[in-house]
Structures are given as structure tokens and as C-alpha cells.
């Protein structure tokens, strides 16, 4: 009699354990997999950052890793400005409506400006009536590199990201005027970087 009772108790315990295990597995599988914007991960928006890009931006961030590309063109007569950027993301910590992430970015900058009859008279400062320079132009090629941490908040349709880090700003500038010819000026600055971006989740 005791052996039958013991056997029945063991069978009941095994059945309960099996049911509990199946329930845990089912609940785990029923939970939706966490994503950082929406299941597709696509976003369109704007970004303004010192090292992560400027202008119109497309972002793809479906899981832990993501990226965005940006582009900003501007032109007025002979004056031109172009900016192309790309940034990679890695989520470090995710919350209900926000996340902490790491980022690394780069952007290329091209600027051209033509100046007519406004170049300062530095060659003959004491001979005011005589102005030897009739025009000058400046062309700048720049590269901004940055890395650091960021914080983003997101809802169903929109998200806002904030960037903070350290960056290197490299400039190669050429000035050409009709009197002194072409003069080059290279410059590199290493300092803080930062910015923000706004996206509509598609």
C-alpha cells in the first residue's frame, strides 16, 4: 500500500513538473521579440550632428545593430555645400521606451565659395586706391570622425536620438586668388562631438 502511494505521489510530481516546464516554454515563446523601433526597423528623418552627419537621413535598426546614412546638399550660384555621413549603432541597454547605445560615425564635407571683389587688401594696406585682387575662391574638403554613447527615446511612430562623444575634425582648405595664386591650409581639431536626430518609423 505504501509503495503504491509513493509511486502515485512521484507520478503526480512528474506530471506537475512537466506541465510547469511546458507552461514556461509556451510563455517564453509567446513573448514578442524585443526590437528597437518596429519589427521592420526602417526610419526616415533628419539629423544634425558634428560627426554623425547632417540633413536628410535614412536609418535601418532592426535588432541589436543598426546604421544610418545622411545627405545634405546646398547651392547658391557659385557657392556649394555638400555633406554625406554614415553612422553605425550598437544597443547597450534597452528600456521600455528608450535605449542606451554606442555609435561610431563619419561624414565628408565639401564647400566651395567664390568671392567677387571683396578680398581684403592685405598686400598693399597703405595704398587704398589700388586693389590688386579682383576675386578669390575657397575650397574645403573635410572629414569628421566621431564615436561615443547615445540615448534614444522612441514611440510607435517616432524616435529621437541624442549623440555625445569625441571627434576628430580634419580640414584641407585651398584659397585661390588672382594675385597671390593658390594657398593651402590644413587643420585638424580633436574635441567633443554631439548632436541629435529625429526619425519617423516606417
N, C-alpha and C. Protein backbone atom coordinates (compact mmCIF):
# COMPACT_ATOMS: atom_id res chain seq x y z
N UNK A 1 0.83 -1.21 0.00
CA UNK A 1 0.00 0.00 0.00
C UNK A 1 0.86 1.25 0.00
N UNK A 2 1.91 1.23 0.82
CA UNK A 2 2.80 2.39 0.89
C UNK A 2 3.53 2.60 -0.44
N UNK A 3 3.93 1.49 -1.06
CA UNK A 3 4.65 1.61 -2.34
C UNK A 3 3.75 2.19 -3.42
N UNK A 4 2.46 1.81 -3.41
CA UNK A 4 1.54 2.36 -4.40
C UNK A 4 1.32 3.85 -4.17
N UNK A 5 1.21 4.24 -2.88
CA UNK A 5 1.03 5.67 -2.56
C UNK A 5 2.25 6.48 -2.98
N UNK A 6 3.44 5.94 -2.70
CA UNK A 6 4.68 6.63 -3.06
C UNK A 6 4.81 6.75 -4.58
N UNK A 7 4.45 5.65 -5.29
CA UNK A 7 4.52 5.70 -6.74
C UNK A 7 3.55 6.73 -7.32
N UNK A 8 2.33 6.78 -6.74
CA UNK A 8 1.35 7.76 -7.19
C UNK A 8 1.82 9.19 -6.94
N UNK A 9 2.45 9.43 -5.78
CA UNK A 9 2.96 10.76 -5.47
C UNK A 9 4.07 11.17 -6.44
N UNK A 10 4.96 10.23 -6.80
CA UNK A 10 6.04 10.53 -7.73
C UNK A 10 5.48 10.87 -9.11
N UNK A 11 4.46 10.10 -9.54
CA UNK A 11 3.84 10.38 -10.83
C UNK A 11 3.17 11.74 -10.85
N UNK A 12 2.52 12.11 -9.75
CA UNK A 12 1.90 13.44 -9.68
C UNK A 12 2.94 14.55 -9.75
N UNK A 13 4.06 14.37 -9.04
CA UNK A 13 5.12 15.38 -9.08
C UNK A 13 5.71 15.52 -10.47
N UNK A 14 5.95 14.40 -11.15
CA UNK A 14 6.50 14.45 -12.51
C UNK A 14 5.54 15.13 -13.47
N UNK A 15 4.24 14.84 -13.33
CA UNK A 15 3.26 15.49 -14.20
C UNK A 15 3.20 16.98 -13.97
N UNK A 16 3.26 17.39 -12.69
CA UNK A 16 3.24 18.82 -12.37
C UNK A 16 4.48 19.53 -12.91
N UNK A 17 5.64 18.88 -12.77
CA UNK A 17 6.88 19.49 -13.27
C UNK A 17 6.84 19.63 -14.79
N UNK A 18 6.31 18.58 -15.46
CA UNK A 18 6.23 18.64 -16.91
C UNK A 18 5.27 19.73 -17.38
N UNK A 19 4.14 19.87 -16.69
CA UNK A 19 3.18 20.93 -17.04
C UNK A 19 3.77 22.31 -16.82
N UNK A 20 4.47 22.47 -15.69
CA UNK A 20 5.09 23.76 -15.39
C UNK A 20 6.14 24.13 -16.41
N UNK A 21 6.97 23.14 -16.81
CA UNK A 21 8.01 23.39 -17.81
C UNK A 21 7.40 23.77 -19.16
N UNK A 22 6.33 23.05 -19.54
CA UNK A 22 5.67 23.37 -20.80
C UNK A 22 5.04 24.76 -20.76
N UNK A 23 4.51 25.16 -19.60
CA UNK A 23 3.90 26.48 -19.46
C UNK A 23 4.94 27.58 -19.59
N UNK A 24 6.13 27.37 -18.97
CA UNK A 24 7.20 28.36 -19.05
C UNK A 24 7.68 28.51 -20.49
N UNK A 25 7.85 27.38 -21.19
CA UNK A 25 8.32 27.44 -22.58
C UNK A 25 7.30 28.14 -23.45
N UNK A 26 6.00 27.84 -23.22
CA UNK A 26 4.96 28.46 -24.03
C UNK A 26 4.89 29.96 -23.78
N UNK A 27 5.02 30.38 -22.50
CA UNK A 27 5.00 31.81 -22.20
C UNK A 27 6.21 32.52 -22.78
N UNK A 28 7.35 31.85 -22.75
CA UNK A 28 8.56 32.45 -23.30
C UNK A 28 8.44 32.63 -24.81
N UNK A 29 7.86 31.65 -25.48
CA UNK A 29 7.70 31.74 -26.93
C UNK A 29 6.62 32.74 -27.32
N UNK A 30 5.63 32.93 -26.42
CA UNK A 30 4.57 33.86 -26.74
C UNK A 30 5.01 35.32 -26.61
N UNK A 31 6.07 35.56 -25.88
CA UNK A 31 6.53 36.94 -25.73
C UNK A 31 7.10 37.44 -27.05
N UNK A 32 6.72 38.63 -27.48
CA UNK A 32 7.29 39.16 -28.74
C UNK A 32 8.76 39.50 -28.56
N UNK A 33 9.53 39.24 -29.58
CA UNK A 33 10.95 39.56 -29.52
C UNK A 33 11.15 41.07 -29.51
N UNK A 34 12.01 41.50 -28.62
CA UNK A 34 12.21 42.94 -28.47
C UNK A 34 12.91 43.52 -29.68
N UNK A 35 12.42 44.62 -30.16
CA UNK A 35 13.06 45.37 -31.23
C UNK A 35 13.16 46.82 -30.79
N UNK A 36 13.90 47.61 -31.52
CA UNK A 36 14.27 48.93 -31.03
C UNK A 36 13.45 50.04 -31.65
N UNK A 37 12.77 49.78 -32.72
CA UNK A 37 11.80 50.74 -33.26
C UNK A 37 10.51 50.00 -33.57
N UNK A 38 10.51 49.33 -34.69
CA UNK A 38 9.38 48.49 -35.04
C UNK A 38 9.93 47.23 -35.67
N UNK A 39 9.12 46.22 -35.96
CA UNK A 39 9.67 44.97 -36.49
C UNK A 39 10.48 45.13 -37.77
N UNK A 40 10.19 46.16 -38.57
CA UNK A 40 10.94 46.35 -39.81
C UNK A 40 12.24 47.11 -39.59
N UNK A 41 12.24 48.05 -38.67
CA UNK A 41 13.46 48.77 -38.35
C UNK A 41 13.81 49.92 -39.27
N UNK A 42 12.95 50.30 -40.20
CA UNK A 42 13.23 51.39 -41.13
C UNK A 42 12.77 52.72 -40.56
N UNK A 43 13.53 53.78 -40.84
CA UNK A 43 13.15 55.11 -40.41
C UNK A 43 13.66 56.17 -41.35
N UNK A 44 12.88 57.24 -41.51
CA UNK A 44 13.27 58.39 -42.32
C UNK A 44 13.16 59.64 -41.46
N UNK A 45 14.17 60.53 -41.57
CA UNK A 45 14.12 61.73 -40.75
C UNK A 45 15.22 62.70 -41.05
N UNK A 46 15.60 63.45 -40.02
CA UNK A 46 16.62 64.49 -40.13
C UNK A 46 17.63 64.31 -39.01
N UNK A 47 18.88 64.70 -39.29
CA UNK A 47 19.94 64.63 -38.28
C UNK A 47 20.77 65.90 -38.33
N UNK A 48 21.22 66.33 -37.17
CA UNK A 48 22.13 67.46 -37.05
C UNK A 48 23.17 67.09 -36.00
N UNK A 49 24.37 66.77 -36.46
CA UNK A 49 25.42 66.32 -35.55
C UNK A 49 26.77 66.78 -36.07
N UNK A 50 27.71 66.94 -35.16
CA UNK A 50 29.03 67.41 -35.55
C UNK A 50 29.88 66.32 -36.19
N UNK A 51 29.55 65.04 -35.97
CA UNK A 51 30.36 63.97 -36.54
C UNK A 51 29.55 62.79 -37.07
N UNK A 52 28.23 62.84 -36.96
CA UNK A 52 27.39 61.73 -37.40
C UNK A 52 26.57 62.04 -38.64
N UNK A 53 26.75 63.22 -39.20
CA UNK A 53 26.03 63.58 -40.41
C UNK A 53 25.08 64.74 -40.20
N UNK A 54 24.61 65.28 -41.31
CA UNK A 54 23.66 66.41 -41.29
C UNK A 54 22.67 66.24 -42.44
N UNK A 55 21.46 66.71 -42.21
CA UNK A 55 20.48 66.73 -43.29
C UNK A 55 19.52 65.56 -43.26
N UNK A 56 19.08 65.16 -44.47
CA UNK A 56 18.12 64.08 -44.61
C UNK A 56 18.80 62.75 -44.29
N UNK A 57 18.06 61.86 -43.64
CA UNK A 57 18.69 60.62 -43.17
C UNK A 57 17.74 59.43 -43.30
N UNK A 58 18.32 58.30 -43.63
CA UNK A 58 17.62 57.01 -43.61
C UNK A 58 18.31 56.11 -42.59
N UNK A 59 17.52 55.46 -41.74
CA UNK A 59 18.08 54.59 -40.71
C UNK A 59 17.47 53.20 -40.80
N UNK A 60 18.31 52.19 -40.59
CA UNK A 60 17.87 50.81 -40.52
C UNK A 60 18.43 50.20 -39.24
N UNK A 61 17.53 49.88 -38.29
CA UNK A 61 17.95 49.39 -36.97
C UNK A 61 16.96 48.32 -36.52
N UNK A 62 17.04 47.12 -37.08
CA UNK A 62 16.05 46.10 -36.78
C UNK A 62 16.29 45.34 -35.48
N UNK A 63 17.54 45.15 -35.10
CA UNK A 63 17.87 44.35 -33.93
C UNK A 63 18.87 45.09 -33.04
N UNK A 64 19.90 44.38 -32.66
CA UNK A 64 20.92 44.98 -31.78
C UNK A 64 21.78 45.99 -32.52
N UNK A 65 22.11 45.70 -33.76
CA UNK A 65 22.97 46.56 -34.57
C UNK A 65 22.13 47.30 -35.61
N UNK A 66 22.60 48.49 -35.96
CA UNK A 66 21.91 49.28 -36.98
C UNK A 66 22.84 50.32 -37.58
N UNK A 67 22.32 51.11 -38.52
CA UNK A 67 23.12 52.15 -39.15
C UNK A 67 22.19 53.21 -39.72
N UNK A 68 22.76 54.37 -40.03
CA UNK A 68 22.03 55.37 -40.79
C UNK A 68 22.98 56.03 -41.78
N UNK A 69 22.40 56.55 -42.85
CA UNK A 69 23.13 57.35 -43.83
C UNK A 69 22.41 58.69 -43.96
N UNK A 70 23.17 59.73 -44.25
CA UNK A 70 22.59 61.07 -44.34
C UNK A 70 23.21 61.82 -45.51
N UNK A 71 22.46 62.83 -45.98
CA UNK A 71 22.93 63.63 -47.11
C UNK A 71 22.29 65.00 -47.03
N UNK A 72 23.13 66.02 -47.26
CA UNK A 72 22.61 67.39 -47.26
C UNK A 72 23.27 68.17 -48.38
N UNK A 73 22.52 68.55 -49.43
CA UNK A 73 23.07 69.38 -50.50
C UNK A 73 22.56 70.82 -50.38
N UNK A 74 23.42 71.77 -50.71
CA UNK A 74 23.01 73.18 -50.73
C UNK A 74 23.86 73.91 -51.75
N UNK A 75 23.22 74.78 -52.53
CA UNK A 75 23.94 75.55 -53.55
C UNK A 75 23.24 76.87 -53.78
N UNK A 76 24.05 77.92 -53.97
CA UNK A 76 23.54 79.25 -54.32
C UNK A 76 24.53 79.89 -55.28
N UNK A 77 24.16 79.96 -56.54
CA UNK A 77 25.05 80.44 -57.59
C UNK A 77 26.33 79.62 -57.60
N UNK A 78 27.47 80.26 -57.33
CA UNK A 78 28.74 79.55 -57.35
C UNK A 78 29.12 78.96 -55.98
N UNK A 79 28.31 79.17 -54.97
CA UNK A 79 28.59 78.65 -53.64
C UNK A 79 27.91 77.29 -53.47
N UNK A 80 28.69 76.31 -52.99
CA UNK A 80 28.19 74.96 -52.86
C UNK A 80 28.58 74.37 -51.51
N UNK A 81 27.69 73.51 -51.01
CA UNK A 81 27.97 72.80 -49.76
C UNK A 81 27.32 71.42 -49.85
N UNK A 82 28.12 70.38 -49.62
CA UNK A 82 27.62 69.01 -49.61
C UNK A 82 28.12 68.29 -48.37
N UNK A 83 27.26 67.46 -47.81
CA UNK A 83 27.61 66.70 -46.62
C UNK A 83 27.03 65.30 -46.76
N UNK A 84 27.88 64.28 -46.61
CA UNK A 84 27.46 62.88 -46.66
C UNK A 84 27.98 62.19 -45.41
N UNK A 85 27.10 61.50 -44.68
CA UNK A 85 27.50 60.86 -43.44
C UNK A 85 26.97 59.45 -43.30
N UNK A 86 27.64 58.65 -42.48
CA UNK A 86 27.21 57.30 -42.16
C UNK A 86 27.58 57.01 -40.71
N UNK A 87 26.69 56.33 -39.99
CA UNK A 87 26.92 56.02 -38.58
C UNK A 87 26.40 54.62 -38.28
N UNK A 88 27.17 53.88 -37.48
CA UNK A 88 26.77 52.56 -37.02
C UNK A 88 26.35 52.59 -35.56
N UNK A 89 25.39 51.73 -35.19
CA UNK A 89 24.86 51.68 -33.83
C UNK A 89 25.02 50.28 -33.23
N UNK A 90 25.13 50.26 -31.91
CA UNK A 90 25.03 49.00 -31.14
C UNK A 90 24.29 49.31 -29.85
N UNK A 91 23.18 48.62 -29.62
CA UNK A 91 22.40 48.84 -28.41
C UNK A 91 23.13 48.25 -27.21
N UNK A 92 23.29 49.05 -26.17
CA UNK A 92 23.92 48.61 -24.93
C UNK A 92 22.92 48.21 -23.86
N UNK A 93 21.84 48.97 -23.75
CA UNK A 93 20.82 48.70 -22.74
C UNK A 93 19.48 49.18 -23.27
N UNK A 94 18.46 48.31 -23.15
CA UNK A 94 17.15 48.66 -23.66
C UNK A 94 16.15 48.77 -22.52
N UNK A 95 15.32 49.80 -22.57
CA UNK A 95 14.25 50.00 -21.61
C UNK A 95 12.91 49.95 -22.36
N UNK A 96 11.84 50.28 -21.65
CA UNK A 96 10.52 50.16 -22.25
C UNK A 96 10.34 51.11 -23.43
N UNK A 97 10.70 52.37 -23.27
CA UNK A 97 10.51 53.36 -24.32
C UNK A 97 11.81 54.09 -24.66
N UNK A 98 12.94 53.54 -24.31
CA UNK A 98 14.21 54.21 -24.57
C UNK A 98 15.33 53.18 -24.62
N UNK A 99 16.52 53.65 -24.97
CA UNK A 99 17.68 52.77 -25.04
C UNK A 99 18.96 53.58 -24.90
N UNK A 100 20.00 52.93 -24.46
CA UNK A 100 21.35 53.48 -24.44
C UNK A 100 22.16 52.73 -25.49
N UNK A 101 22.89 53.46 -26.31
CA UNK A 101 23.60 52.80 -27.40
C UNK A 101 24.99 53.40 -27.59
N UNK A 102 25.84 52.66 -28.26
CA UNK A 102 27.14 53.15 -28.70
C UNK A 102 27.07 53.47 -30.19
N UNK A 103 27.84 54.46 -30.62
CA UNK A 103 27.82 54.85 -32.04
C UNK A 103 29.21 55.19 -32.51
N UNK A 104 29.43 54.99 -33.78
CA UNK A 104 30.67 55.42 -34.44
C UNK A 104 30.29 55.95 -35.81
N UNK A 105 30.74 57.16 -36.14
CA UNK A 105 30.28 57.80 -37.35
C UNK A 105 31.37 58.54 -38.09
N UNK A 106 31.07 58.86 -39.35
CA UNK A 106 31.98 59.64 -40.19
C UNK A 106 31.15 60.44 -41.17
N UNK A 107 31.62 61.63 -41.50
CA UNK A 107 30.95 62.45 -42.51
C UNK A 107 31.98 63.18 -43.34
N UNK A 108 31.67 63.30 -44.63
CA UNK A 108 32.52 64.03 -45.58
C UNK A 108 31.85 65.34 -45.92
N UNK A 109 32.65 66.41 -45.94
CA UNK A 109 32.14 67.75 -46.20
C UNK A 109 32.89 68.36 -47.38
N UNK A 110 32.14 68.96 -48.29
CA UNK A 110 32.73 69.71 -49.40
C UNK A 110 32.10 71.09 -49.44
N UNK A 111 32.95 72.14 -49.44
CA UNK A 111 32.48 73.51 -49.51
C UNK A 111 33.28 74.26 -50.58
N UNK A 112 32.55 75.01 -51.39
CA UNK A 112 33.20 75.88 -52.38
C UNK A 112 32.51 77.23 -52.34
N UNK A 113 33.33 78.27 -52.30
CA UNK A 113 32.79 79.63 -52.26
C UNK A 113 33.61 80.54 -53.16
N UNK A 114 32.91 81.29 -54.01
CA UNK A 114 33.55 82.26 -54.90
C UNK A 114 33.23 83.66 -54.41
N UNK A 115 34.27 84.45 -54.17
CA UNK A 115 34.11 85.81 -53.66
C UNK A 115 34.49 86.79 -54.76
N UNK A 116 33.66 87.74 -55.00
CA UNK A 116 33.91 88.74 -56.04
C UNK A 116 34.20 90.10 -55.40
N UNK A 117 35.41 90.62 -55.68
CA UNK A 117 35.79 91.98 -55.29
C UNK A 117 35.60 92.27 -53.80
N UNK A 118 35.78 91.26 -52.96
CA UNK A 118 35.67 91.53 -51.53
C UNK A 118 36.84 90.98 -50.75
N UNK A 119 37.90 90.62 -51.47
CA UNK A 119 39.07 90.10 -50.78
C UNK A 119 39.79 91.24 -50.06
N UNK A 120 40.15 91.09 -48.79
CA UNK A 120 40.79 92.19 -48.05
C UNK A 120 42.15 92.56 -48.63
N UNK A 121 42.42 93.84 -48.67
CA UNK A 121 43.65 94.35 -49.26
C UNK A 121 44.77 94.24 -48.22
N UNK A 122 45.37 93.03 -48.14
CA UNK A 122 46.44 92.82 -47.17
C UNK A 122 47.83 92.98 -47.77
N UNK A 123 47.91 92.97 -49.11
CA UNK A 123 49.23 93.09 -49.75
C UNK A 123 49.70 94.54 -49.75
N UNK A 124 48.78 95.47 -50.06
CA UNK A 124 49.12 96.89 -50.08
C UNK A 124 48.16 97.64 -49.14
N UNK A 125 48.36 97.48 -47.83
CA UNK A 125 47.40 98.08 -46.90
C UNK A 125 47.41 99.60 -46.89
N UNK A 126 48.53 100.22 -47.35
CA UNK A 126 48.63 101.68 -47.30
C UNK A 126 48.36 102.33 -48.65
N UNK A 127 48.01 101.53 -49.63
CA UNK A 127 47.74 102.06 -50.95
C UNK A 127 46.27 101.77 -51.27
N UNK A 128 45.41 102.47 -50.61
CA UNK A 128 43.98 102.15 -50.66
C UNK A 128 43.38 102.21 -52.06
N UNK A 129 43.72 103.22 -52.92
CA UNK A 129 43.07 103.26 -54.24
C UNK A 129 43.40 102.05 -55.11
N UNK A 130 44.55 101.41 -54.81
CA UNK A 130 44.98 100.31 -55.67
C UNK A 130 44.59 98.98 -55.02
N UNK A 131 43.75 98.21 -55.69
CA UNK A 131 43.32 96.91 -55.18
C UNK A 131 43.73 95.84 -56.18
N UNK A 132 44.83 95.14 -55.93
CA UNK A 132 45.33 94.19 -56.92
C UNK A 132 44.48 92.93 -57.05
N UNK A 133 43.67 92.59 -56.06
CA UNK A 133 42.90 91.36 -56.11
C UNK A 133 41.49 91.65 -56.60
N UNK A 134 41.07 90.97 -57.63
CA UNK A 134 39.73 91.16 -58.16
C UNK A 134 38.77 90.06 -57.72
N UNK A 135 39.27 88.91 -57.38
CA UNK A 135 38.40 87.83 -56.90
C UNK A 135 39.26 86.82 -56.14
N UNK A 136 38.57 85.99 -55.35
CA UNK A 136 39.24 84.82 -54.80
C UNK A 136 38.19 83.76 -54.49
N UNK A 137 38.63 82.53 -54.46
CA UNK A 137 37.74 81.41 -54.17
C UNK A 137 38.36 80.53 -53.09
N UNK A 138 37.52 79.87 -52.33
CA UNK A 138 37.99 78.94 -51.31
C UNK A 138 37.28 77.60 -51.48
N UNK A 139 38.06 76.53 -51.38
CA UNK A 139 37.53 75.17 -51.50
C UNK A 139 37.98 74.37 -50.29
N UNK A 140 37.04 73.70 -49.65
CA UNK A 140 37.34 72.95 -48.43
C UNK A 140 36.84 71.52 -48.56
N UNK A 141 37.74 70.59 -48.29
CA UNK A 141 37.38 69.18 -48.14
C UNK A 141 37.58 68.81 -46.67
N UNK A 142 36.54 68.27 -46.07
CA UNK A 142 36.62 67.97 -44.65
C UNK A 142 36.16 66.56 -44.34
N UNK A 143 36.68 66.01 -43.25
CA UNK A 143 36.28 64.69 -42.77
C UNK A 143 36.12 64.77 -41.26
N UNK A 144 34.93 64.43 -40.78
CA UNK A 144 34.64 64.39 -39.35
C UNK A 144 34.48 62.95 -38.91
N UNK A 145 35.19 62.57 -37.87
CA UNK A 145 35.12 61.22 -37.32
C UNK A 145 34.74 61.32 -35.86
N UNK A 146 33.79 60.49 -35.42
CA UNK A 146 33.35 60.56 -34.03
C UNK A 146 32.87 59.23 -33.51
N UNK A 147 32.97 59.05 -32.20
CA UNK A 147 32.49 57.84 -31.54
C UNK A 147 32.11 58.18 -30.12
N UNK A 148 31.16 57.43 -29.57
CA UNK A 148 30.75 57.70 -28.20
C UNK A 148 29.48 56.95 -27.85
N UNK A 149 28.71 57.52 -26.95
CA UNK A 149 27.47 56.92 -26.48
C UNK A 149 26.29 57.80 -26.85
N UNK A 150 25.10 57.23 -26.80
CA UNK A 150 23.90 57.98 -27.12
C UNK A 150 22.71 57.47 -26.33
N UNK A 151 21.68 58.27 -26.33
CA UNK A 151 20.43 57.92 -25.65
C UNK A 151 19.27 58.21 -26.58
N UNK A 152 18.40 57.25 -26.76
CA UNK A 152 17.27 57.41 -27.66
C UNK A 152 15.96 57.10 -26.98
N UNK A 153 14.95 57.88 -27.32
CA UNK A 153 13.58 57.63 -26.85
C UNK A 153 12.72 57.36 -28.08
N UNK A 154 11.79 56.43 -27.96
CA UNK A 154 11.01 56.05 -29.12
C UNK A 154 9.59 55.67 -28.72
N UNK A 155 8.69 55.93 -29.64
CA UNK A 155 7.30 55.52 -29.51
C UNK A 155 6.98 54.63 -30.72
N UNK A 156 5.70 54.49 -31.02
CA UNK A 156 5.33 53.60 -32.11
C UNK A 156 5.76 54.15 -33.46
N UNK A 157 5.62 55.47 -33.66
CA UNK A 157 5.87 56.05 -34.97
C UNK A 157 7.09 56.95 -35.03
N UNK A 158 7.57 57.46 -33.91
CA UNK A 158 8.67 58.42 -33.93
C UNK A 158 9.74 58.00 -32.93
N UNK A 159 10.94 58.50 -33.16
CA UNK A 159 12.06 58.30 -32.24
C UNK A 159 13.01 59.47 -32.33
N UNK A 160 13.65 59.79 -31.21
CA UNK A 160 14.63 60.87 -31.13
C UNK A 160 15.89 60.31 -30.48
N UNK A 161 17.02 60.54 -31.12
CA UNK A 161 18.30 60.06 -30.61
C UNK A 161 19.21 61.24 -30.32
N UNK A 162 19.97 61.13 -29.22
CA UNK A 162 20.94 62.14 -28.83
C UNK A 162 22.33 61.51 -28.81
N UNK A 163 23.30 62.22 -29.40
CA UNK A 163 24.66 61.71 -29.53
C UNK A 163 25.62 62.53 -28.67
N UNK A 164 26.57 61.85 -28.06
CA UNK A 164 27.64 62.51 -27.32
C UNK A 164 28.89 61.66 -27.45
N UNK A 165 30.02 62.30 -27.67
CA UNK A 165 31.25 61.53 -27.81
C UNK A 165 32.45 62.42 -28.04
N UNK A 166 33.43 61.85 -28.71
CA UNK A 166 34.66 62.55 -29.02
C UNK A 166 34.90 62.45 -30.51
N UNK A 167 35.39 63.54 -31.10
CA UNK A 167 35.54 63.54 -32.55
C UNK A 167 36.83 64.19 -33.01
N UNK A 168 37.21 63.85 -34.24
CA UNK A 168 38.34 64.46 -34.93
C UNK A 168 37.82 65.15 -36.18
N UNK A 169 38.20 66.41 -36.37
CA UNK A 169 37.70 67.22 -37.48
C UNK A 169 38.90 67.63 -38.34
N UNK A 170 38.96 67.08 -39.54
CA UNK A 170 40.10 67.25 -40.44
C UNK A 170 39.67 68.15 -41.60
N UNK A 171 40.44 69.21 -41.86
CA UNK A 171 40.11 70.15 -42.93
C UNK A 171 41.31 70.34 -43.86
N UNK A 172 41.02 70.31 -45.13
CA UNK A 172 42.00 70.61 -46.17
C UNK A 172 41.42 71.74 -47.01
N UNK A 173 41.91 72.96 -46.79
CA UNK A 173 41.35 74.14 -47.44
C UNK A 173 42.36 74.72 -48.43
N UNK A 174 41.84 75.12 -49.58
CA UNK A 174 42.65 75.77 -50.61
C UNK A 174 42.02 77.11 -50.97
N UNK A 175 42.80 78.17 -50.90
CA UNK A 175 42.35 79.52 -51.25
C UNK A 175 43.09 79.95 -52.51
N UNK A 176 42.34 80.36 -53.51
CA UNK A 176 42.92 80.79 -54.78
C UNK A 176 42.46 82.21 -55.07
N UNK A 177 43.41 83.14 -55.26
CA UNK A 177 43.04 84.49 -55.66
C UNK A 177 43.90 84.92 -56.84
N UNK A 178 43.47 85.96 -57.50
CA UNK A 178 44.08 86.36 -58.77
C UNK A 178 45.42 87.03 -58.60
N UNK A 179 45.85 87.30 -57.39
CA UNK A 179 47.13 87.97 -57.19
C UNK A 179 48.19 87.04 -56.61
N UNK A 180 47.87 86.38 -55.53
CA UNK A 180 48.88 85.56 -54.85
C UNK A 180 48.85 84.11 -55.29
N UNK A 181 47.88 83.70 -56.08
CA UNK A 181 47.82 82.32 -56.52
C UNK A 181 47.11 81.43 -55.51
N UNK A 182 47.54 80.18 -55.46
CA UNK A 182 46.88 79.17 -54.62
C UNK A 182 47.63 78.99 -53.31
N UNK A 183 46.89 79.02 -52.22
CA UNK A 183 47.46 78.84 -50.89
C UNK A 183 46.68 77.74 -50.17
N UNK A 184 47.40 76.77 -49.61
CA UNK A 184 46.76 75.67 -48.90
C UNK A 184 46.77 75.88 -47.41
N UNK A 185 45.78 75.32 -46.75
CA UNK A 185 45.68 75.44 -45.30
C UNK A 185 45.05 74.17 -44.74
N UNK A 186 45.84 73.33 -44.06
CA UNK A 186 45.36 72.09 -43.46
C UNK A 186 45.21 72.28 -41.96
N UNK A 187 44.17 71.67 -41.41
CA UNK A 187 43.89 71.85 -40.00
C UNK A 187 43.20 70.61 -39.45
N UNK A 188 43.55 70.19 -38.24
CA UNK A 188 42.93 69.06 -37.56
C UNK A 188 42.63 69.45 -36.11
N UNK A 189 41.40 69.21 -35.69
CA UNK A 189 40.97 69.51 -34.33
C UNK A 189 40.37 68.25 -33.72
N UNK A 190 40.73 67.96 -32.48
CA UNK A 190 40.17 66.83 -31.75
C UNK A 190 39.46 67.38 -30.52
N UNK A 191 38.16 67.16 -30.44
CA UNK A 191 37.37 67.72 -29.34
C UNK A 191 36.07 66.94 -29.20
N UNK A 192 35.15 67.45 -28.38
CA UNK A 192 33.88 66.78 -28.14
C UNK A 192 33.00 66.80 -29.40
N UNK A 193 32.15 65.81 -29.51
CA UNK A 193 31.18 65.75 -30.59
C UNK A 193 29.79 65.52 -30.00
N UNK A 194 28.77 65.89 -30.76
CA UNK A 194 27.41 65.70 -30.26
C UNK A 194 26.39 66.06 -31.31
N UNK A 195 25.13 65.77 -31.01
CA UNK A 195 24.05 66.08 -31.94
C UNK A 195 22.79 65.34 -31.59
N UNK A 196 21.81 65.43 -32.49
CA UNK A 196 20.55 64.73 -32.28
C UNK A 196 19.94 64.39 -33.64
N UNK A 197 19.00 63.45 -33.62
CA UNK A 197 18.33 63.00 -34.84
C UNK A 197 16.87 62.71 -34.53
N UNK A 198 16.02 62.97 -35.52
CA UNK A 198 14.58 62.72 -35.40
C UNK A 198 14.17 61.82 -36.55
N UNK A 199 13.48 60.71 -36.23
CA UNK A 199 13.07 59.76 -37.25
C UNK A 199 11.59 59.42 -37.13
N UNK A 200 10.98 59.18 -38.27
CA UNK A 200 9.64 58.61 -38.35
C UNK A 200 9.80 57.14 -38.70
N UNK A 201 9.31 56.25 -37.84
CA UNK A 201 9.44 54.82 -38.06
C UNK A 201 8.45 54.36 -39.12
N UNK A 202 8.97 53.68 -40.12
CA UNK A 202 8.14 53.24 -41.25
C UNK A 202 7.61 51.82 -41.02
